[in-house]
């Protein structure tokens, strides 16, 4: 399973959830993370061989994954530019086509994050990913819930993450 944080901040609650998800994966579910900062700015003219190594790694990671879990913040009512850039690099390929995907919204305020998730849903629909609705959740994570190790220790949050991963893995 590929885990993608849509944040570039080291102390991000989205990244903390993704780091914690690696530890909460059910038996038999291998996970790996993909970062955003290594990807070049998308230009359709550059979407041809030879692709930049970071784009090859992204597409290979998606192709190798049984499913993809996204966890992204909302900036100015939509996806952060770096997350949209990652998604733009997937449009020219078929790696996400019919791939089970889900997302987690970690916003502590339940009124936040919907613009980003609406945009994510639009792009995932465009690339024909298969959204697993039962795995899409709001799991609030406040910044004070993230330990110095960058992980979330709260057992309720970890149980919710484990459930999301199990539902997504079963898809």
Protein backbone atom coordinates (compact mmCIF):
# COMPACT_ATOMS: atom_id res chain seq x y z
CA UNK A 1 0.00 0.00 0.00
CA UNK A 2 1.34 3.41 -0.92
CA UNK A 3 0.90 6.15 1.69
CA UNK A 4 1.02 9.75 0.48
CA UNK A 5 1.13 12.82 2.68
CA UNK A 6 0.09 15.96 0.85
CA UNK A 7 2.13 18.13 3.17
CA UNK A 8 5.73 19.23 2.78
CA UNK A 9 6.01 20.26 6.46
CA UNK A 10 8.11 17.93 8.61
CA UNK A 11 5.84 18.55 11.62
CA UNK A 12 2.61 18.09 9.66
CA UNK A 13 -0.26 16.21 11.25
CA UNK A 14 -0.91 14.67 7.81
CA UNK A 15 2.63 13.32 7.68
CA UNK A 16 2.31 12.13 11.29
CA UNK A 17 -0.77 10.12 10.34
CA UNK A 18 1.07 8.58 7.36
CA UNK A 19 4.10 7.71 9.54
CA UNK A 20 1.79 6.19 12.14
CA UNK A 21 -0.11 4.26 9.45
CA UNK A 22 3.10 2.41 8.60
CA UNK A 23 3.05 1.04 12.16
CA UNK A 24 -0.69 0.31 12.20
CA UNK A 25 -0.86 -1.74 9.03
CA UNK A 26 -2.66 -5.06 9.45
CA UNK A 27 -0.58 -8.24 9.12
CA UNK A 28 0.32 -8.94 5.51
CA UNK A 29 -0.08 -5.29 4.43
CA UNK A 30 3.24 -3.75 3.52
CA UNK A 31 3.31 0.03 3.32
CA UNK A 32 5.69 2.58 1.95
CA UNK A 33 5.63 6.36 1.82
CA UNK A 34 6.12 8.72 -1.06
CA UNK A 35 7.22 12.31 -0.61
CA UNK A 36 6.37 15.35 -2.69
CA UNK A 37 9.46 17.51 -2.58
CA UNK A 38 11.59 15.48 -4.99
CA UNK A 39 9.12 15.82 -7.87
CA UNK A 40 9.86 18.44 -10.51
CA UNK A 41 7.15 20.91 -11.48
CA UNK A 42 4.81 19.19 -13.92
CA UNK A 43 5.11 20.19 -17.55
CA UNK A 44 3.23 18.07 -20.11
CA UNK A 45 6.18 18.42 -22.49
CA UNK A 46 8.38 16.62 -19.94
CA UNK A 47 5.96 13.71 -19.56
CA UNK A 48 7.94 11.48 -21.89
CA UNK A 49 10.99 9.23 -21.72
CA UNK A 50 13.34 9.65 -20.14
CA UNK A 51 11.22 10.68 -17.17
CA UNK A 52 12.88 12.28 -14.14
CA UNK A 53 13.92 9.59 -11.61
CA UNK A 54 11.50 10.89 -8.97
CA UNK A 55 8.59 10.56 -11.43
CA UNK A 56 9.69 7.02 -12.32
CA UNK A 57 9.79 6.23 -8.58
CA UNK A 58 6.30 7.69 -8.09
CA UNK A 59 4.74 5.81 -10.97
CA UNK A 60 6.55 2.59 -10.05
CA UNK A 61 5.40 2.94 -6.45
CA UNK A 62 1.80 3.37 -7.51
CA UNK A 63 2.01 0.48 -9.98
CA UNK A 64 3.45 -1.80 -7.29
CA UNK A 65 0.88 -0.83 -4.67
CA UNK A 66 -2.32 -2.75 -4.09
CA UNK A 67 -3.93 0.53 -3.00
CA UNK A 68 -3.10 4.17 -2.25
CA UNK A 69 -4.01 6.18 0.85
CA UNK A 70 -3.82 9.98 0.61
CA UNK A 71 -3.68 12.30 3.60
CA UNK A 72 -3.54 15.94 2.57
CA UNK A 73 -4.04 19.34 4.12
CA UNK A 74 -6.18 22.05 2.62
CA UNK A 75 -4.53 25.31 1.56
CA UNK A 76 -6.70 28.24 0.50
CA UNK A 77 -9.68 25.94 0.05
CA UNK A 78 -8.05 23.30 -2.15
CA UNK A 79 -5.11 20.89 -2.46
CA UNK A 80 -1.64 22.26 -1.78
CA UNK A 81 0.24 22.90 -5.03
CA UNK A 82 2.80 20.19 -4.30
CA UNK A 83 0.06 17.58 -3.93
CA UNK A 84 -1.64 18.70 -7.14
CA UNK A 85 1.77 18.47 -8.81
CA UNK A 86 2.10 14.84 -7.70
CA UNK A 87 -1.34 14.09 -9.09
CA UNK A 88 -0.57 15.89 -12.35
CA UNK A 89 2.35 13.48 -12.88
CA UNK A 90 -0.14 10.57 -12.71
CA UNK A 91 -2.48 11.88 -15.41
CA UNK A 92 -0.27 10.75 -18.29
CA UNK A 93 0.01 7.20 -16.97
CA UNK A 94 -2.46 4.47 -16.14
CA UNK A 95 -1.04 3.53 -12.74
CA UNK A 96 -4.05 4.85 -10.81
CA UNK A 97 -6.64 3.49 -13.25
CA UNK A 98 -8.94 1.17 -11.28
CA UNK A 99 -6.50 1.27 -8.33
CA UNK A 100 -8.29 1.32 -4.95
CA UNK A 101 -7.72 4.68 -3.26
CA UNK A 102 -8.94 6.44 -0.14
CA UNK A 103 -8.13 9.49 1.91
CA UNK A 104 -8.05 10.60 5.49
CA UNK A 105 -8.81 14.13 6.61
CA UNK A 106 -6.89 14.90 9.83
CA UNK A 107 -8.16 18.47 10.33
CA UNK A 108 -8.92 19.03 13.98
CA UNK A 109 -11.77 21.31 12.89
CA UNK A 110 -14.36 19.14 11.07
CA UNK A 111 -15.29 22.12 8.89
CA UNK A 112 -11.82 22.12 7.31
CA UNK A 113 -10.37 20.01 4.53
CA UNK A 114 -13.42 19.50 2.34
CA UNK A 115 -12.16 21.74 -0.48
CA UNK A 116 -8.96 19.71 -0.76
CA UNK A 117 -10.87 16.44 -0.67
CA UNK A 118 -13.34 17.63 -3.31
CA UNK A 119 -10.42 18.50 -5.60
CA UNK A 120 -8.73 15.19 -4.82
CA UNK A 121 -11.95 13.34 -5.67
CA UNK A 122 -12.16 15.22 -9.00
CA UNK A 123 -8.60 14.36 -10.02
CA UNK A 124 -8.92 10.74 -8.90
CA UNK A 125 -12.12 10.47 -10.94
CA UNK A 126 -10.32 11.91 -13.95
CA UNK A 127 -7.59 9.24 -13.76
CA UNK A 128 -10.28 6.61 -13.12
CA UNK A 129 -9.02 5.52 -9.71
CA UNK A 130 -11.48 3.44 -7.69
CA UNK A 131 -12.43 5.41 -4.57
CA UNK A 132 -13.16 3.10 -1.64
CA UNK A 133 -15.74 5.25 0.14
CA UNK A 134 -15.82 3.09 3.29
CA UNK A 135 -12.10 3.79 3.79
CA UNK A 136 -12.40 7.58 3.41
CA UNK A 137 -12.53 9.04 6.90
CA UNK A 138 -12.15 12.06 9.09
CA UNK A 139 -9.65 11.18 11.83
CA UNK A 140 -8.85 14.40 13.69
CA UNK A 141 -5.22 14.80 14.74
CA UNK A 142 -4.22 17.93 16.63
CA UNK A 143 -0.62 19.08 16.53
CA UNK A 144 -0.24 18.39 20.26
CA UNK A 145 -1.16 14.72 19.59
CA UNK A 146 2.03 14.28 17.57
CA UNK A 147 4.97 13.14 19.67
CA UNK A 148 8.60 14.18 19.28
CA UNK A 149 9.08 11.03 17.20
CA UNK A 150 6.57 12.35 14.62
CA UNK A 151 4.00 9.67 15.47
CA UNK A 152 0.51 9.72 16.92
CA UNK A 153 0.32 7.60 20.07
CA UNK A 154 -3.41 8.01 20.78
CA UNK A 155 -4.91 4.49 20.76
CA UNK A 156 -8.23 5.69 19.30
CA UNK A 157 -6.46 7.37 16.39
CA UNK A 158 -4.33 4.29 15.82
CA UNK A 159 -7.42 2.05 15.88
CA UNK A 160 -9.12 4.29 13.32
CA UNK A 161 -6.03 4.21 11.09
CA UNK A 162 -5.85 0.41 11.37
CA UNK A 163 -9.51 0.16 10.35
CA UNK A 164 -8.99 2.44 7.32
CA UNK A 165 -5.99 0.38 6.19
CA UNK A 166 -7.89 -2.90 6.64
CA UNK A 167 -10.88 -1.66 4.61
CA UNK A 168 -8.62 -0.31 1.88
CA UNK A 169 -6.51 -3.48 1.80
CA UNK A 170 -9.65 -5.61 1.49
CA UNK A 171 -10.69 -3.64 -1.59
